[in-house]
Amino acid sequence: MTLITKYLVSDLLRKIFIITFGFTVLFSFFSFIAELENLNTYEINLEKIFYSQILNAPSIIYDVVPIATLVGSLWCFASLAANSEFVVFFGSGFST
């Protein structure tokens, strides 16, 4: 694995992770707000709501990963294009 490939993979994975984390927090927050309506109705406390959100996180991540991969890839390649890094890669002999 060349240095350029390591750089591209690490940049791509970092941005996908950031997007996945952000979407997971966002969806968990909205789910938490929706569960607050049940606070008085079913006489549950905040601890149980937090616990249910933690248990729901893997399901949310499973749903978010495809979208996060798309958005993270677009973000990665847009930042590479904005910094003219593609020109440097191809000028140095990196081919597809």
N, C-alpha and C. Protein backbone atom coordinates (compact mmCIF):
# COMPACT_ATOMS: atom_id res chain seq x y z
N MET A 1 0.85 -1.17 0.00
CA MET A 1 0.00 0.00 0.00
C MET A 1 0.90 1.23 0.00
N THR A 2 0.69 2.09 -0.97
CA THR A 2 1.54 3.27 -1.08
C THR A 2 1.10 4.35 -0.10
N LEU A 3 1.93 5.35 0.03
CA LEU A 3 1.64 6.45 0.94
C LEU A 3 0.41 7.23 0.51
N ILE A 4 0.25 7.41 -0.79
CA ILE A 4 -0.92 8.13 -1.31
C ILE A 4 -2.20 7.36 -1.01
N THR A 5 -2.17 6.06 -1.18
CA THR A 5 -3.34 5.23 -0.90
C THR A 5 -3.70 5.29 0.58
N LYS A 6 -2.69 5.23 1.45
CA LYS A 6 -2.95 5.33 2.89
C LYS A 6 -3.57 6.68 3.23
N TYR A 7 -3.07 7.74 2.59
CA TYR A 7 -3.61 9.08 2.84
C TYR A 7 -5.07 9.17 2.40
N LEU A 8 -5.38 8.66 1.22
CA LEU A 8 -6.75 8.71 0.71
C LEU A 8 -7.70 7.89 1.57
N VAL A 9 -7.29 6.69 1.95
CA VAL A 9 -8.15 5.82 2.76
C VAL A 9 -8.38 6.43 4.14
N SER A 10 -7.32 6.95 4.76
CA SER A 10 -7.50 7.53 6.10
C SER A 10 -8.38 8.77 6.06
N ASP A 11 -8.21 9.61 5.03
CA ASP A 11 -9.05 10.80 4.90
C ASP A 11 -10.50 10.42 4.67
N LEU A 12 -10.73 9.44 3.81
CA LEU A 12 -12.09 8.99 3.51
C LEU A 12 -12.75 8.38 4.75
N LEU A 13 -12.06 7.49 5.44
CA LEU A 13 -12.63 6.84 6.62
C LEU A 13 -12.88 7.84 7.75
N ARG A 14 -11.99 8.81 7.91
CA ARG A 14 -12.18 9.83 8.94
C ARG A 14 -13.46 10.63 8.69
N LYS A 15 -13.67 11.01 7.44
CA LYS A 15 -14.86 11.81 7.12
C LYS A 15 -16.13 10.98 7.20
N ILE A 16 -16.06 9.72 6.81
CA ILE A 16 -17.23 8.85 6.95
C ILE A 16 -17.57 8.66 8.43
N PHE A 17 -16.57 8.50 9.28
CA PHE A 17 -16.81 8.35 10.71
C PHE A 17 -17.44 9.60 11.30
N ILE A 18 -16.96 10.77 10.90
CA ILE A 18 -17.51 12.03 11.41
C ILE A 18 -18.98 12.16 11.03
N ILE A 19 -19.31 11.86 9.77
CA ILE A 19 -20.69 11.95 9.31
C ILE A 19 -21.56 10.91 10.02
N THR A 20 -21.06 9.69 10.19
CA THR A 20 -21.82 8.65 10.89
C THR A 20 -22.10 9.07 12.33
N PHE A 21 -21.10 9.58 12.99
CA PHE A 21 -21.28 10.03 14.38
C PHE A 21 -22.29 11.16 14.46
N GLY A 22 -22.19 12.13 13.55
CA GLY A 22 -23.11 13.26 13.56
C GLY A 22 -24.54 12.86 13.30
N PHE A 23 -24.76 12.02 12.30
CA PHE A 23 -26.12 11.56 12.01
C PHE A 23 -26.68 10.71 13.14
N THR A 24 -25.83 9.89 13.76
CA THR A 24 -26.29 9.05 14.86
C THR A 24 -26.71 9.91 16.05
N VAL A 25 -25.93 10.92 16.36
CA VAL A 25 -26.30 11.82 17.45
C VAL A 25 -27.58 12.57 17.11
N LEU A 26 -27.70 13.02 15.88
CA LEU A 26 -28.90 13.76 15.46
C LEU A 26 -30.15 12.89 15.55
N PHE A 27 -30.10 11.68 15.01
CA PHE A 27 -31.27 10.80 15.06
C PHE A 27 -31.58 10.35 16.49
N SER A 28 -30.54 10.14 17.29
CA SER A 28 -30.77 9.77 18.69
C SER A 28 -31.43 10.91 19.45
N PHE A 29 -31.02 12.13 19.15
CA PHE A 29 -31.61 13.28 19.82
C PHE A 29 -33.09 13.41 19.47
N PHE A 30 -33.43 13.27 18.19
CA PHE A 30 -34.84 13.36 17.81
C PHE A 30 -35.66 12.22 18.39
N SER A 31 -35.08 11.05 18.47
CA SER A 31 -35.76 9.91 19.09
C SER A 31 -35.94 10.15 20.59
N PHE A 32 -34.95 10.76 21.21
CA PHE A 32 -35.04 11.09 22.63
C PHE A 32 -36.16 12.09 22.88
N ILE A 33 -36.26 13.10 22.03
CA ILE A 33 -37.33 14.09 22.17
C ILE A 33 -38.70 13.43 22.00
N ALA A 34 -38.81 12.49 21.06
CA ALA A 34 -40.07 11.79 20.87
C ALA A 34 -40.42 10.92 22.07
N GLU A 35 -39.41 10.35 22.72
CA GLU A 35 -39.66 9.51 23.89
C GLU A 35 -40.02 10.32 25.13
N LEU A 36 -39.69 11.61 25.13
CA LEU A 36 -40.02 12.43 26.30
C LEU A 36 -41.52 12.56 26.49
N GLU A 37 -42.29 12.37 25.42
CA GLU A 37 -43.74 12.42 25.55
C GLU A 37 -44.25 11.27 26.42
N ASN A 38 -43.53 10.17 26.45
CA ASN A 38 -43.94 9.01 27.26
C ASN A 38 -43.52 9.13 28.72
N LEU A 39 -42.85 10.21 29.06
CA LEU A 39 -42.33 10.38 30.41
C LEU A 39 -43.46 10.38 31.44
N ASN A 40 -44.50 11.13 31.20
CA ASN A 40 -45.61 11.20 32.15
C ASN A 40 -46.67 10.14 31.87
N THR A 41 -46.81 9.76 30.61
CA THR A 41 -47.87 8.82 30.25
C THR A 41 -47.64 7.45 30.87
N TYR A 42 -46.43 6.93 30.72
CA TYR A 42 -46.14 5.57 31.19
C TYR A 42 -45.33 5.56 32.49
N GLU A 43 -45.14 6.72 33.08
CA GLU A 43 -44.41 6.87 34.34
C GLU A 43 -43.03 6.20 34.29
N ILE A 44 -42.26 6.55 33.28
CA ILE A 44 -40.88 6.09 33.20
C ILE A 44 -39.97 7.28 33.50
N ASN A 45 -38.74 7.02 33.88
CA ASN A 45 -37.83 8.10 34.22
C ASN A 45 -36.81 8.33 33.09
N LEU A 46 -36.03 9.39 33.24
CA LEU A 46 -35.05 9.74 32.21
C LEU A 46 -33.97 8.68 32.06
N GLU A 47 -33.64 8.00 33.14
CA GLU A 47 -32.61 6.96 33.07
C GLU A 47 -32.99 5.85 32.09
N LYS A 48 -34.25 5.45 32.12
CA LYS A 48 -34.70 4.41 31.20
C LYS A 48 -34.73 4.91 29.75
N ILE A 49 -35.05 6.18 29.57
CA ILE A 49 -35.05 6.74 28.22
C ILE A 49 -33.62 6.79 27.68
N PHE A 50 -32.66 7.23 28.51
CA PHE A 50 -31.26 7.24 28.07
C PHE A 50 -30.78 5.83 27.75
N TYR A 51 -31.15 4.89 28.59
CA TYR A 51 -30.75 3.50 28.39
C TYR A 51 -31.33 2.96 27.08
N SER A 52 -32.57 3.29 26.80
CA SER A 52 -33.17 2.83 25.54
C SER A 52 -32.50 3.47 24.33
N GLN A 53 -32.04 4.72 24.47
CA GLN A 53 -31.34 5.37 23.37
C GLN A 53 -29.98 4.72 23.11
N ILE A 54 -29.31 4.33 24.17
CA ILE A 54 -28.02 3.64 24.02
C ILE A 54 -28.22 2.29 23.34
N LEU A 55 -29.28 1.59 23.72
CA LEU A 55 -29.55 0.30 23.10
C LEU A 55 -30.02 0.44 21.65
N ASN A 56 -30.58 1.58 21.31
CA ASN A 56 -31.04 1.84 19.94
C ASN A 56 -29.91 2.28 19.01
N ALA A 57 -28.77 2.69 19.56
CA ALA A 57 -27.68 3.25 18.76
C ALA A 57 -27.18 2.31 17.66
N PRO A 58 -26.97 1.02 17.90
CA PRO A 58 -26.52 0.15 16.80
C PRO A 58 -27.51 0.08 15.64
N SER A 59 -28.79 0.11 15.94
CA SER A 59 -29.79 0.10 14.88
C SER A 59 -29.73 1.38 14.06
N ILE A 60 -29.54 2.49 14.74
CA ILE A 60 -29.43 3.78 14.05
C ILE A 60 -28.18 3.81 13.19
N ILE A 61 -27.06 3.31 13.73
CA ILE A 61 -25.81 3.28 12.96
C ILE A 61 -25.97 2.42 11.72
N TYR A 62 -26.64 1.29 11.87
CA TYR A 62 -26.88 0.39 10.73
C TYR A 62 -27.68 1.10 9.63
N ASP A 63 -28.63 1.92 10.02
CA ASP A 63 -29.44 2.65 9.04
C ASP A 63 -28.68 3.82 8.43
N VAL A 64 -27.76 4.41 9.18
CA VAL A 64 -27.10 5.65 8.76
C VAL A 64 -25.85 5.40 7.92
N VAL A 65 -25.21 4.26 8.06
CA VAL A 65 -23.92 4.02 7.40
C VAL A 65 -23.97 4.19 5.88
N PRO A 66 -24.97 3.70 5.16
CA PRO A 66 -24.96 3.93 3.71
C PRO A 66 -25.04 5.41 3.32
N ILE A 67 -25.86 6.16 4.02
CA ILE A 67 -25.97 7.59 3.74
C ILE A 67 -24.68 8.30 4.12
N ALA A 68 -24.11 7.92 5.26
CA ALA A 68 -22.87 8.54 5.71
C ALA A 68 -21.71 8.22 4.77
N THR A 69 -21.71 7.04 4.19
CA THR A 69 -20.67 6.69 3.22
C THR A 69 -20.77 7.57 1.98
N LEU A 70 -21.97 7.78 1.51
CA LEU A 70 -22.17 8.64 0.35
C LEU A 70 -21.75 10.08 0.65
N VAL A 71 -22.24 10.63 1.75
CA VAL A 71 -21.94 12.02 2.09
C VAL A 71 -20.45 12.18 2.43
N GLY A 72 -19.88 11.23 3.16
CA GLY A 72 -18.46 11.30 3.49
C GLY A 72 -17.57 11.21 2.27
N SER A 73 -17.95 10.37 1.30
CA SER A 73 -17.18 10.27 0.05
C SER A 73 -17.25 11.57 -0.74
N LEU A 74 -18.44 12.13 -0.82
CA LEU A 74 -18.58 13.41 -1.53
C LEU A 74 -17.77 14.50 -0.85
N TRP A 75 -17.80 14.52 0.48
CA TRP A 75 -17.05 15.52 1.23
C TRP A 75 -15.55 15.34 1.02
N CYS A 76 -15.09 14.10 1.06
CA CYS A 76 -13.67 13.80 0.89
C CYS A 76 -13.18 14.22 -0.49
N PHE A 77 -13.89 13.79 -1.52
CA PHE A 77 -13.44 14.09 -2.88
C PHE A 77 -13.63 15.55 -3.24
N ALA A 78 -14.62 16.21 -2.65
CA ALA A 78 -14.79 17.64 -2.88
C ALA A 78 -13.64 18.42 -2.24
N SER A 79 -13.21 18.01 -1.06
CA SER A 79 -12.09 18.70 -0.42
C SER A 79 -10.78 18.43 -1.16
N LEU A 80 -10.63 17.22 -1.70
CA LEU A 80 -9.44 16.94 -2.51
C LEU A 80 -9.43 17.79 -3.78
N ALA A 81 -10.58 17.94 -4.40
CA ALA A 81 -10.66 18.75 -5.62
C ALA A 81 -10.47 20.23 -5.31
N ALA A 82 -10.99 20.70 -4.19
CA ALA A 82 -10.86 22.11 -3.83
C ALA A 82 -9.41 22.48 -3.54
N ASN A 83 -8.65 21.55 -3.00
CA ASN A 83 -7.24 21.80 -2.69
C ASN A 83 -6.31 21.41 -3.83
N SER A 84 -6.87 21.05 -4.98
CA SER A 84 -6.11 20.64 -6.17
C SER A 84 -5.18 19.46 -5.88
N GLU A 85 -5.58 18.58 -4.99
CA GLU A 85 -4.74 17.43 -4.66
C GLU A 85 -4.81 16.37 -5.76
N PHE A 86 -5.91 16.32 -6.50
CA PHE A 86 -5.99 15.38 -7.62
C PHE A 86 -4.94 15.71 -8.67
N VAL A 87 -4.72 16.99 -8.92
CA VAL A 87 -3.73 17.41 -9.91
C VAL A 87 -2.34 16.96 -9.46
N VAL A 88 -2.06 17.10 -8.18
CA VAL A 88 -0.76 16.69 -7.65
C VAL A 88 -0.60 15.18 -7.73
N PHE A 89 -1.67 14.43 -7.41
CA PHE A 89 -1.60 12.97 -7.48
C PHE A 89 -1.30 12.50 -8.90
N PHE A 90 -2.05 13.02 -9.86
CA PHE A 90 -1.86 12.58 -11.24
C PHE A 90 -0.55 13.11 -11.82
N GLY A 91 -0.11 14.27 -11.36
CA GLY A 91 1.18 14.80 -11.80
C GLY A 91 2.35 13.99 -11.28
N SER A 92 2.17 13.37 -10.13
CA SER A 92 3.25 12.57 -9.55
C SER A 92 3.24 11.13 -10.04
N GLY A 93 2.29 10.78 -10.90
CA GLY A 93 2.27 9.45 -11.48
C GLY A 93 1.25 8.51 -10.90
N PHE A 94 0.40 8.97 -10.02
CA PHE A 94 -0.66 8.13 -9.45
C PHE A 94 -1.76 7.96 -10.49
N SER A 95 -2.09 6.71 -10.82
CA SER A 95 -3.12 6.47 -11.83
C SER A 95 -4.24 5.65 -11.24
N THR A 96 -5.36 5.64 -11.94
CA THR A 96 -6.53 4.92 -11.43
C THR A 96 -6.50 3.49 -11.79
